[in-house]
Each structure stands twice: as C-alpha cells, then as structure tokens.
PDB file of N, CA and C in Angstrom:
ATOM      1  N   MET A   1     -16.377  -1.503  -4.997  1.00  0.00           N
ATOM      2  CA  MET A   1     -15.703  -2.006  -6.310  1.00  0.00           C
ATOM      3  C   MET A   1     -14.146  -2.483  -5.646  1.00  0.00           C
ATOM      4  N   PHE A   2     -13.731  -1.737  -4.865  1.00  0.00           N
ATOM      5  CA  PHE A   2     -12.452  -1.891  -4.463  1.00  0.00           C
ATOM      6  C   PHE A   2     -12.455  -3.127  -3.332  1.00  0.00           C
ATOM      7  N   ALA A   3     -13.238  -3.443  -2.841  1.00  0.00           N
ATOM      8  CA  ALA A   3     -13.591  -4.774  -1.918  1.00  0.00           C
ATOM      9  C   ALA A   3     -13.781  -5.831  -2.465  1.00  0.00           C
ATOM     10  N   LEU A   4     -14.296  -5.805  -3.716  1.00  0.00           N
ATOM     11  CA  LEU A   4     -14.517  -7.341  -4.200  1.00  0.00           C
ATOM     12  C   LEU A   4     -13.532  -7.951  -4.401  1.00  0.00           C
ATOM     13  N   PRO A   5     -12.053  -7.524  -4.995  1.00  0.00           N
ATOM     14  CA  PRO A   5     -11.012  -8.141  -5.028  1.00  0.00           C
ATOM     15  C   PRO A   5     -10.625  -8.971  -3.943  1.00  0.00           C
ATOM     16  N   PHE A   6     -10.865  -8.145  -2.640  1.00  0.00           N
ATOM     17  CA  PHE A   6     -10.443  -8.840  -1.626  1.00  0.00           C
ATOM     18  C   PHE A   6     -11.193 -10.062  -0.918  1.00  0.00           C
ATOM     19  N   TRP A   7     -12.677 -10.006  -1.325  1.00  0.00           N
ATOM     20  CA  TRP A   7     -13.363 -11.219  -0.716  1.00  0.00           C
ATOM     21  C   TRP A   7     -13.172 -12.158  -1.714  1.00  0.00           C
ATOM     22  N   ALA A   8     -12.774 -12.031  -3.046  1.00  0.00           N
ATOM     23  CA  ALA A   8     -12.587 -13.048  -4.049  1.00  0.00           C
ATOM     24  C   ALA A   8     -11.476 -13.873  -4.122  1.00  0.00           C
ATOM     25  N   ILE A   9     -10.615 -13.610  -3.370  1.00  0.00           N
ATOM     26  CA  ILE A   9      -9.437 -14.353  -3.159  1.00  0.00           C
ATOM     27  C   ILE A   9      -9.368 -14.679  -1.725  1.00  0.00           C
ATOM     28  N   ASP A  10      -9.298 -16.222  -1.755  1.00  0.00           N
ATOM     29  CA  ASP A  10      -9.326 -16.791  -0.045  1.00  0.00           C
ATOM     30  C   ASP A  10      -8.329 -16.251   0.864  1.00  0.00           C
ATOM     31  N   ALA A  11      -7.317 -15.829   0.463  1.00  0.00           N
ATOM     32  CA  ALA A  11      -6.220 -15.511   1.182  1.00  0.00           C
ATOM     33  C   ALA A  11      -6.504 -13.997   1.879  1.00  0.00           C
ATOM     34  N   THR A  12      -7.097 -13.166   1.138  1.00  0.00           N
ATOM     35  CA  THR A  12      -7.369 -12.140   1.636  1.00  0.00           C
ATOM     36  C   THR A  12      -8.606 -11.608   1.842  1.00  0.00           C
ATOM     37  N   ALA A  13      -9.637 -12.804   2.197  1.00  0.00           N
ATOM     38  CA  ALA A  13     -10.971 -12.898   2.613  1.00  0.00           C
ATOM     39  C   ALA A  13     -11.135 -12.402   3.873  1.00  0.00           C
ATOM     40  N   GLN A  14     -10.151 -12.680   5.166  1.00  0.00           N
ATOM     41  CA  GLN A  14     -10.334 -12.477   6.440  1.00  0.00           C
ATOM     42  C   GLN A  14      -9.752 -10.973   6.444  1.00  0.00           C
ATOM     43  N   VAL A  15      -9.296  -9.909   5.588  1.00  0.00           N
ATOM     44  CA  VAL A  15      -8.757  -8.557   6.116  1.00  0.00           C
ATOM     45  C   VAL A  15      -9.979  -7.861   6.308  1.00  0.00           C
ATOM     46  N   PRO A  16      -9.963  -7.213   7.493  1.00  0.00           N
ATOM     47  CA  PRO A  16     -11.219  -6.375   7.864  1.00  0.00           C
ATOM     48  C   PRO A  16     -11.405  -5.261   7.161  1.00  0.00           C
ATOM     49  N   ILE A  17     -12.551  -4.788   7.251  1.00  0.00           N
ATOM     50  CA  ILE A  17     -13.034  -3.552   6.444  1.00  0.00           C
ATOM     51  C   ILE A  17     -11.955  -2.398   6.776  1.00  0.00           C
ATOM     52  N   SER A  18     -11.325  -2.175   8.087  1.00  0.00           N
ATOM     53  CA  SER A  18     -10.515  -0.986   8.200  1.00  0.00           C
ATOM     54  C   SER A  18      -9.265  -1.364   7.465  1.00  0.00           C
ATOM     55  N   GLY A  19      -8.944  -2.379   7.436  1.00  0.00           N
ATOM     56  CA  GLY A  19      -7.740  -2.903   6.168  1.00  0.00           C
ATOM     57  C   GLY A  19      -7.743  -2.361   4.840  1.00  0.00           C
ATOM     58  N   MET A  20      -8.969  -2.918   4.453  1.00  0.00           N
ATOM     59  CA  MET A  20      -9.467  -2.415   3.182  1.00  0.00           C
ATOM     60  C   MET A  20      -9.341  -0.688   3.038  1.00  0.00           C
ATOM     61  N   PHE A  21      -9.759   0.063   4.064  1.00  0.00           N
ATOM     62  CA  PHE A  21      -9.863   1.263   3.871  1.00  0.00           C
ATOM     63  C   PHE A  21      -8.303   1.834   4.056  1.00  0.00           C
ATOM     64  N   LEU A  22      -7.675   0.894   4.830  1.00  0.00           N
ATOM     65  CA  LEU A  22      -6.189   1.536   4.776  1.00  0.00           C
ATOM     66  C   LEU A  22      -5.527   1.285   3.487  1.00  0.00           C
ATOM     67  N   ALA A  23      -5.790   0.378   2.950  1.00  0.00           N
ATOM     68  CA  ALA A  23      -4.931  -0.148   1.491  1.00  0.00           C
ATOM     69  C   ALA A  23      -5.594   0.864   0.699  1.00  0.00           C
ATOM     70  N   PHE A  24      -7.066   1.192   0.676  1.00  0.00           N
ATOM     71  CA  PHE A  24      -7.629   2.293   0.035  1.00  0.00           C
ATOM     72  C   PHE A  24      -6.821   3.735  -0.167  1.00  0.00           C
ATOM     73  N   ILE A  25      -6.692   4.063   1.094  1.00  0.00           N
ATOM     74  CA  ILE A  25      -5.896   5.197   1.011  1.00  0.00           C
ATOM     75  C   ILE A  25      -4.302   5.227   0.843  1.00  0.00           C
ATOM     76  N   PHE A  26      -3.804   3.738   1.085  1.00  0.00           N
ATOM     77  CA  PHE A  26      -2.188   4.109   0.579  1.00  0.00           C
ATOM     78  C   PHE A  26      -2.307   4.135  -0.732  1.00  0.00           C
ATOM     79  N   GLY A  27      -3.577   3.269  -1.620  1.00  0.00           N
ATOM     80  CA  GLY A  27      -3.543   3.183  -3.021  1.00  0.00           C
ATOM     81  C   GLY A  27      -3.567   4.476  -3.613  1.00  0.00           C
ATOM     82  N   ALA A  28      -4.448   5.379  -3.029  1.00  0.00           N
ATOM     83  CA  ALA A  28      -4.686   6.696  -3.524  1.00  0.00           C
ATOM     84  C   ALA A  28      -3.247   7.521  -3.457  1.00  0.00           C
ATOM     85  N   VAL A  29      -2.795   7.499  -2.167  1.00  0.00           N
ATOM     86  CA  VAL A  29      -1.353   7.967  -1.921  1.00  0.00           C
ATOM     87  C   VAL A  29      -0.312   7.705  -3.252  1.00  0.00           C
ATOM     88  N   GLY A  30      -0.411   6.176  -3.642  1.00  0.00           N
ATOM     89  CA  GLY A  30       0.237   5.870  -4.585  1.00  0.00           C
ATOM     90  C   GLY A  30       0.255   6.336  -5.903  1.00  0.00           C
ATOM     91  N   ILE A  31      -1.244   6.580  -6.271  1.00  0.00           N
ATOM     92  CA  ILE A  31      -1.507   7.108  -7.478  1.00  0.00           C
ATOM     93  C   ILE A  31      -0.825   8.481  -7.903  1.00  0.00           C
ATOM     94  N   SER A  32      -0.835   9.193  -6.552  1.00  0.00           N
ATOM     95  CA  SER A  32      -0.164  10.552  -6.696  1.00  0.00           C
ATOM     96  C   SER A  32       1.593  10.466  -7.009  1.00  0.00           C
ATOM     97  N   PHE A  33       2.016   9.397  -6.787  1.00  0.00           N
ATOM     98  CA  PHE A  33       3.570   9.105  -7.207  1.00  0.00           C
ATOM     99  C   PHE A  33       3.908   9.032  -8.706  1.00  0.00           C
ATOM    100  N   THR A  34       3.000   8.375  -9.155  1.00  0.00           N
ATOM    101  CA  THR A  34       3.435   7.899 -10.453  1.00  0.00           C
ATOM    102  C   THR A  34       1.987   8.283 -11.543  1.00  0.00           C
ATOM    103  N   ASN A  35       2.269   8.357 -12.798  1.00  0.00           N
ATOM    104  CA  ASN A  35       1.165   8.475 -13.667  1.00  0.00           C
ATOM    105  C   ASN A  35       0.099   7.340 -13.669  1.00  0.00           C
ATOM    106  N   GLY A  36      -0.846   7.430 -13.314  1.00  0.00           N
ATOM    107  CA  GLY A  36      -2.017   6.504 -13.202  1.00  0.00           C
ATOM    108  C   GLY A  36      -1.583   5.547 -12.055  1.00  0.00           C
ATOM    109  N   GLY A  37      -0.760   5.601 -11.278  1.00  0.00           N
ATOM    110  CA  GLY A  37      -0.303   4.760 -10.249  1.00  0.00           C
ATOM    111  C   GLY A  37       0.403   3.685 -10.661  1.00  0.00           C
ATOM    112  N   MET A  38       1.096   3.583 -11.584  1.00  0.00           N
ATOM    113  CA  MET A  38       1.632   2.501 -12.166  1.00  0.00           C
ATOM    114  C   MET A  38       3.044   1.992 -11.564  1.00  0.00           C
ATOM    115  N   GLY A  39       3.074   1.100 -11.000  1.00  0.00           N
ATOM    116  CA  GLY A  39       3.985   0.406 -10.110  1.00  0.00           C
ATOM    117  C   GLY A  39       3.441   0.827  -8.648  1.00  0.00           C
ATOM    118  N   ALA A  40       3.711   2.048  -8.180  1.00  0.00           N
ATOM    119  CA  ALA A  40       3.662   2.235  -6.864  1.00  0.00           C
ATOM    120  C   ALA A  40       2.086   2.007  -6.314  1.00  0.00           C
ATOM    121  N   TYR A  41       0.998   2.109  -6.995  1.00  0.00           N
ATOM    122  CA  TYR A  41      -0.480   1.695  -6.590  1.00  0.00           C
ATOM    123  C   TYR A  41      -0.135   0.134  -5.983  1.00  0.00           C
ATOM    124  N   PRO A  42       0.057  -0.734  -7.067  1.00  0.00           N
ATOM    125  CA  PRO A  42      -0.176  -2.010  -6.540  1.00  0.00           C
ATOM    126  C   PRO A  42       1.025  -2.467  -5.424  1.00  0.00           C
ATOM    127  N   LEU A  43       2.101  -1.720  -5.435  1.00  0.00           N
ATOM    128  CA  LEU A  43       3.008  -1.856  -4.154  1.00  0.00           C
ATOM    129  C   LEU A  43       2.431  -1.466  -2.743  1.00  0.00           C
ATOM    130  N   LEU A  44       2.106  -0.416  -2.863  1.00  0.00           N
ATOM    131  CA  LEU A  44       1.559  -0.068  -1.765  1.00  0.00           C
ATOM    132  C   LEU A  44       0.216  -0.591  -1.296  1.00  0.00           C
ATOM    133  N   ILE A  45      -0.556  -1.165  -1.983  1.00  0.00           N
ATOM    134  CA  ILE A  45      -1.743  -2.034  -1.467  1.00  0.00           C
ATOM    135  C   ILE A  45      -1.033  -3.335  -1.260  1.00  0.00           C
ATOM    136  N   GLY A  46      -0.163  -3.786  -2.054  1.00  0.00           N
ATOM    137  CA  GLY A  46       0.354  -5.238  -1.304  1.00  0.00           C
ATOM    138  C   GLY A  46       1.233  -5.218  -0.203  1.00  0.00           C
ATOM    139  N   ILE A  47       1.844  -3.632   0.323  1.00  0.00           N
ATOM    140  CA  ILE A  47       2.333  -4.214   1.414  1.00  0.00           C
ATOM    141  C   ILE A  47       1.423  -3.976   2.757  1.00  0.00           C
ATOM    142  N   THR A  48       0.397  -3.021   2.494  1.00  0.00           N
ATOM    143  CA  THR A  48      -0.934  -2.795   3.383  1.00  0.00           C
ATOM    144  C   THR A  48      -1.552  -4.202   3.670  1.00  0.00           C
ATOM    145  N   THR A  49      -1.793  -4.857   2.677  1.00  0.00           N
ATOM    146  CA  THR A  49      -2.496  -6.031   2.683  1.00  0.00           C
ATOM    147  C   THR A  49      -1.951  -7.089   3.325  1.00  0.00           C
ATOM    148  N   ALA A  50      -0.333  -7.173   3.031  1.00  0.00           N
ATOM    149  CA  ALA A  50       0.529  -8.252   3.633  1.00  0.00           C
ATOM    150  C   ALA A  50       0.477  -8.353   5.012  1.00  0.00           C
ATOM    151  N   TYR A  51       0.255  -6.880   5.567  1.00  0.00           N
ATOM    152  CA  TYR A  51       0.332  -6.606   7.317  1.00  0.00           C
ATOM    153  C   TYR A  51      -1.002  -7.408   7.685  1.00  0.00           C
ATOM    154  N   TYR A  52      -1.771  -7.335   7.159  1.00  0.00           N
ATOM    155  CA  TYR A  52      -3.251  -8.131   7.709  1.00  0.00           C
ATOM    156  C   TYR A  52      -3.269  -9.196   7.390  1.00  0.00           C
ATOM    157  N   ILE A  53      -2.391  -9.769   6.202  1.00  0.00           N
ATOM    158  CA  ILE A  53      -2.481 -11.526   6.048  1.00  0.00           C
ATOM    159  C   ILE A  53      -1.742 -11.962   7.167  1.00  0.00           C
ATOM    160  N   ASN A  54      -0.493 -11.295   7.395  1.00  0.00           N
ATOM    161  CA  ASN A  54       0.840 -11.759   8.388  1.00  0.00           C
ATOM    162  C   ASN A  54       0.049 -11.713   9.707  1.00  0.00           C
ATOM    163  N   ALA A  55      -0.903 -10.959  10.021  1.00  0.00           N
ATOM    164  CA  ALA A  55      -1.554 -11.018  11.434  1.00  0.00           C
ATOM    165  C   ALA A  55      -2.328 -12.117  11.551  1.00  0.00           C
ATOM    166  N   ALA A  56      -3.026 -12.641  10.525  1.00  0.00           N
ATOM    167  CA  ALA A  56      -3.793 -13.670  10.587  1.00  0.00           C
ATOM    168  C   ALA A  56      -3.169 -15.007   9.928  1.00  0.00           C
ATOM    169  N   GLY A  57      -1.725 -15.048   9.987  1.00  0.00           N
ATOM    170  CA  GLY A  57      -1.115 -16.136   9.990  1.00  0.00           C
ATOM    171  C   GLY A  57      -0.992 -16.802   8.460  1.00  0.00           C
ATOM    172  N   GLY A  58      -1.245 -15.990   7.353  1.00  0.00           N
ATOM    173  CA  GLY A  58      -1.448 -16.371   5.816  1.00  0.00           C
ATOM    174  C   GLY A  58       0.071 -16.905   5.572  1.00  0.00           C
ATOM    175  N   PRO A  59       0.099 -17.584   4.470  1.00  0.00           N
ATOM    176  CA  PRO A  59       1.402 -17.826   3.755  1.00  0.00           C
ATOM    177  C   PRO A  59       1.505 -16.998   2.835  1.00  0.00           C
ATOM    178  N   ASP A  60       2.728 -16.422   2.697  1.00  0.00           N
ATOM    179  CA  ASP A  60       3.250 -15.616   1.383  1.00  0.00           C
ATOM    180  C   ASP A  60       2.463 -14.341   1.121  1.00  0.00           C
ATOM    181  N   ALA A  61       2.498 -13.495   2.001  1.00  0.00           N
ATOM    182  CA  ALA A  61       1.648 -12.499   2.446  1.00  0.00           C
ATOM    183  C   ALA A  61       2.107 -11.426   1.643  1.00  0.00           C
ATOM    184  N   LEU A  62       3.156 -11.277   1.228  1.00  0.00           N
ATOM    185  CA  LEU A  62       3.772 -10.134   0.259  1.00  0.00           C
ATOM    186  C   LEU A  62       3.294 -10.646  -1.224  1.00  0.00           C
ATOM    187  N   ALA A  63       3.606 -11.889  -1.427  1.00  0.00           N
ATOM    188  CA  ALA A  63       3.025 -12.602  -2.766  1.00  0.00           C
ATOM    189  C   ALA A  63       1.465 -12.268  -3.171  1.00  0.00           C
ATOM    190  N   VAL A  64       0.891 -12.490  -2.212  1.00  0.00           N
ATOM    191  CA  VAL A  64      -0.320 -12.342  -2.355  1.00  0.00           C
ATOM    192  C   VAL A  64      -0.858 -10.795  -2.548  1.00  0.00           C
ATOM    193  N   GLY A  65      -0.438 -10.226  -1.394  1.00  0.00           N
ATOM    194  CA  GLY A  65      -0.686  -8.728  -1.385  1.00  0.00           C
ATOM    195  C   GLY A  65      -0.680  -7.951  -2.560  1.00  0.00           C
ATOM    196  N   ASN A  66       0.778  -8.117  -3.350  1.00  0.00           N
ATOM    197  CA  ASN A  66       1.076  -7.748  -4.484  1.00  0.00           C
ATOM    198  C   ASN A  66       0.282  -8.116  -5.687  1.00  0.00           C
ATOM    199  N   ALA A  67      -0.172  -9.304  -5.687  1.00  0.00           N
ATOM    200  CA  ALA A  67      -1.082 -10.037  -6.795  1.00  0.00           C
ATOM    201  C   ALA A  67      -2.326  -9.413  -6.484  1.00  0.00           C
ATOM    202  N   LEU A  68      -2.780  -9.240  -5.486  1.00  0.00           N
ATOM    203  CA  LEU A  68      -4.050  -8.374  -5.199  1.00  0.00           C
ATOM    204  C   LEU A  68      -4.127  -6.607  -5.972  1.00  0.00           C
ATOM    205  N   GLY A  69      -3.229  -6.206  -5.325  1.00  0.00           N
ATOM    206  CA  GLY A  69      -2.885  -5.003  -6.099  1.00  0.00           C
ATOM    207  C   GLY A  69      -2.745  -5.094  -7.381  1.00  0.00           C
ATOM    208  N   MET A  70      -2.221  -5.572  -7.824  1.00  0.00           N
ATOM    209  CA  MET A  70      -1.755  -5.805  -9.038  1.00  0.00           C
ATOM    210  C   MET A  70      -3.466  -5.938  -9.908  1.00  0.00           C
ATOM    211  N   VAL A  71      -4.092  -7.011  -9.402  1.00  0.00           N
ATOM    212  CA  VAL A  71      -5.433  -7.188  -9.717  1.00  0.00           C
ATOM    213  C   VAL A  71      -6.405  -6.029 -10.041  1.00  0.00           C
ATOM    214  N   ILE A  72      -6.260  -5.597  -8.853  1.00  0.00           N
ATOM    215  CA  ILE A  72      -6.973  -4.246  -8.506  1.00  0.00           C
ATOM    216  C   ILE A  72      -6.714  -2.973  -9.407  1.00  0.00           C
ATOM    217  N   TRP A  73      -5.643  -2.924  -9.562  1.00  0.00           N
ATOM    218  CA  TRP A  73      -5.022  -1.773 -10.354  1.00  0.00           C
ATOM    219  C   TRP A  73      -5.002  -1.897 -11.990  1.00  0.00           C
ATOM    220  N   ALA A  74      -4.840  -3.234 -12.697  1.00  0.00           N
ATOM    221  CA  ALA A  74      -5.235  -3.439 -14.077  1.00  0.00           C
ATOM    222  C   ALA A  74      -6.839  -3.927 -14.258  1.00  0.00           C
ATOM    223  N   THR A  75      -7.639  -4.039 -13.356  1.00  0.00           N
ATOM    224  CA  THR A  75      -9.046  -4.008 -13.668  1.00  0.00           C
ATOM    225  C   THR A  75      -9.472  -2.643 -13.721  1.00  0.00           C
ATOM    226  N   GLN A  76      -9.130  -1.911 -12.875  1.00  0.00           N
ATOM    227  CA  GLN A  76      -9.441  -0.558 -12.855  1.00  0.00           C
ATOM    228  C   GLN A  76      -9.037   0.218 -14.033  1.00  0.00           C
ATOM    229  N   THR A  77      -7.681   0.087 -14.206  1.00  0.00           N
ATOM    230  CA  THR A  77      -7.254   0.466 -15.669  1.00  0.00           C
ATOM    231  C   THR A  77      -7.855   0.280 -16.993  1.00  0.00           C
ATOM    232  N   ILE A  78      -8.198  -1.209 -17.146  1.00  0.00           N
ATOM    233  CA  ILE A  78      -8.896  -1.672 -18.313  1.00  0.00           C
ATOM    234  C   ILE A  78     -10.133  -0.897 -18.024  1.00  0.00           C
ATOM    235  N   PHE A  79     -11.054  -0.926 -17.186  1.00  0.00           N
ATOM    236  CA  PHE A  79     -12.175  -0.520 -17.306  1.00  0.00           C
ATOM    237  C   PHE A  79     -12.172   1.031 -17.601  1.00  0.00           C
ATOM    238  N   LEU A  80     -11.423   1.875 -16.988  1.00  0.00           N
ATOM    239  CA  LEU A  80     -11.122   3.324 -17.229  1.00  0.00           C
ATOM    240  C   LEU A  80     -11.339   3.179 -18.866  1.00  0.00           C
ATOM    241  N   ILE A  81     -10.170   2.548 -19.340  1.00  0.00           N
ATOM    242  CA  ILE A  81      -9.809   2.775 -21.195  1.00  0.00           C
ATOM    243  C   ILE A  81     -10.819   2.492 -21.955  1.00  0.00           C
ATOM    244  N   LEU A  82     -11.980   1.261 -21.592  1.00  0.00           N
ATOM    245  CA  LEU A  82     -12.751   0.628 -22.075  1.00  0.00           C
ATOM    246  C   LEU A  82     -14.254   1.782 -22.386  1.00  0.00           C
ATOM    247  N   LEU A  83     -14.539   2.343 -21.010  1.00  0.00           N
ATOM    248  CA  LEU A  83     -15.358   3.350 -20.651  1.00  0.00           C
ATOM    249  C   LEU A  83     -15.058   4.709 -21.563  1.00  0.00           C
ATOM    250  N   GLY A  84     -13.688   4.978 -21.546  1.00  0.00           N
ATOM    251  CA  GLY A  84     -13.138   6.194 -22.262  1.00  0.00           C
ATOM    252  C   GLY A  84     -13.465   5.939 -23.810  1.00  0.00           C
ATOM    253  N   LEU A  85     -13.213   4.999 -24.038  1.00  0.00           N
ATOM    254  CA  LEU A  85     -13.288   4.692 -25.477  1.00  0.00           C
ATOM    255  C   LEU A  85     -15.088   4.536 -25.971  1.00  0.00           C
ATOM    256  N   ILE A  86     -15.842   4.027 -25.351  1.00  0.00           N
ATOM    257  CA  ILE A  86     -17.136   3.843 -25.579  1.00  0.00           C
ATOM    258  C   ILE A  86     -17.802   5.287 -25.492  1.00  0.00           C
ATOM    259  N   SER A  87     -17.378   6.078 -24.505  1.00  0.00           N
ATOM    260  CA  SER A  87     -17.559   7.700 -24.423  1.00  0.00           C
ATOM    261  C   SER A  87     -17.155   8.433 -25.556  1.00  0.00           C
ATOM    262  N   LEU A  88     -16.156   8.399 -26.165  1.00  0.00           N
ATOM    263  CA  LEU A  88     -15.592   8.937 -27.109  1.00  0.00           C
ATOM    264  C   LEU A  88     -16.092   8.402 -28.600  1.00  0.00           C
ATOM    265  N   VAL A  89     -16.723   7.309 -28.707  1.00  0.00           N
ATOM    266  CA  VAL A  89     -17.576   6.825 -29.681  1.00  0.00           C
ATOM    267  C   VAL A  89     -18.863   7.397 -29.880  1.00  0.00           C
ATOM    268  N   LEU A  90     -19.555   7.694 -28.522  1.00  0.00           N
ATOM    269  CA  LEU A  90     -20.853   8.155 -28.301  1.00  0.00           C
ATOM    270  C   LEU A  90     -21.120   9.791 -28.316  1.00  0.00           C
ATOM    271  N   MET A  91     -19.752  10.337 -28.290  1.00  0.00           N
ATOM    272  CA  MET A  91     -19.852  11.863 -28.277  1.00  0.00           C
ATOM    273  C   MET A  91     -20.231  11.966 -29.729  1.00  0.00           C
ATOM    274  N   PRO A  92     -21.266  13.140 -29.864  1.00  0.00           N
ATOM    275  CA  PRO A  92     -21.383  13.759 -31.112  1.00  0.00           C
ATOM    276  C   PRO A  92     -20.391  14.351 -32.017  1.00  0.00           C
ATOM    277  N   ARG A  93     -20.416  14.178 -33.320  1.00  0.00           N
ATOM    278  CA  ARG A  93     -18.957  14.578 -34.096  1.00  0.00           C
ATOM    279  C   ARG A  93     -19.036  15.620 -34.448  1.00  0.00           C
ATOM    280  N   LYS A  94     -20.545  16.530 -34.370  1.00  0.00           N
ATOM    281  CA  LYS A  94     -20.326  18.044 -34.773  1.00  0.00           C
ATOM    282  C   LYS A  94     -21.126  18.752 -33.949  1.00  0.00           C
ATOM    283  N   TYR A  95     -20.603  19.610 -33.115  1.00  0.00           N
ATOM    284  CA  TYR A  95     -21.260  20.577 -32.503  1.00  0.00           C
ATOM    285  C   TYR A  95     -22.096  21.918 -32.951  1.00  0.00           C
ATOM    286  N   ASN A  96     -23.150  22.438 -32.827  1.00  0.00           N
ATOM    287  CA  ASN A  96     -23.662  23.122 -33.668  1.00  0.00           C
ATOM    288  C   ASN A  96     -23.838  24.448 -32.654  1.00  0.00           C
ATOM    289  N   THR A  97     -23.255  25.441 -32.602  1.00  0.00           N
ATOM    290  CA  THR A  97     -23.510  26.070 -31.760  1.00  0.00           C
ATOM    291  C   THR A  97     -24.648  27.397 -32.064  1.00  0.00           C
ATOM    292  N   ASP A  98     -24.863  27.578 -33.395  1.00  0.00           N
ATOM    293  CA  ASP A  98     -25.968  28.575 -33.746  1.00  0.00           C
ATOM    294  C   ASP A  98     -27.294  28.121 -33.839  1.00  0.00           C
ATOM    295  N   GLU A  99     -28.023  28.972 -32.966  1.00  0.00           N
ATOM    296  CA  GLU A  99     -29.303  28.434 -32.951  1.00  0.00           C
ATOM    297  C   GLU A  99     -29.863  29.244 -33.923  1.00  0.00           C
ATOM    298  N   LYS A 100     -30.826  28.475 -34.947  1.00  0.00           N
ATOM    299  CA  LYS A 100     -31.713  29.092 -35.852  1.00  0.00           C
ATOM    300  C   LYS A 100     -33.112  29.088 -35.460  1.00  0.00           C
ATOM    301  N   SER A 101     -33.599  30.274 -35.154  1.00  0.00           N
ATOM    302  CA  SER A 101     -34.810  30.451 -34.740  1.00  0.00           C
ATOM    303  C   SER A 101     -35.760  30.431 -35.866  1.00  0.00           C
TER     304      SER A 101
END
C-alpha cells in the first residue's frame, strides 16, 4: 500500500524499491515525532523521495516529494478513520457476560 502512490505519480515512478523502503523507515520515525505523524511524516517522506528524484534528474524534486508524502499520509489517515467508524458501528452494543445454562 505504501508503494502504490510511488508508482501512480510519473515523477516518482523511477524511485527504486530501496528508496521506497528508506522513505517508509523515515516515515515511521516521523510518526513518533508527532501525533499521527501530522507534518513530520509527509516532510520526512518528501525529503527522502526528493533525494532519489534529484538523482534521476527530475524537476521540482522537493515539491513532488512533499506532495507524495501528503498523499500517502492523507489516504492512510482517512482509511484509518473510516475503518474505525465502520468497526464502531459493527461492534455489539451490549455485552452479556452471564451465561445461563
């Protein structure tokens, strides 16, 4: 799920798997800095991705990297909220711990 946005954007499609893994690791570190990675997660993914885009000679590497980081963070956050709401609705309302034999 983390690699799909890399392949979906033309400017980041040439980033190697090792670059995606490195961005994933820095993103995990970014989540530990702030609540839910807000701000730090997209920034660290953007900086890491910009390094690989610059190596390939891509234009506006930092802007593309930051946009990619924001897309990944936003989709994961929205997905988490939606699945949390669905699970809240599907949970049983009343738990009965008394077993009557």
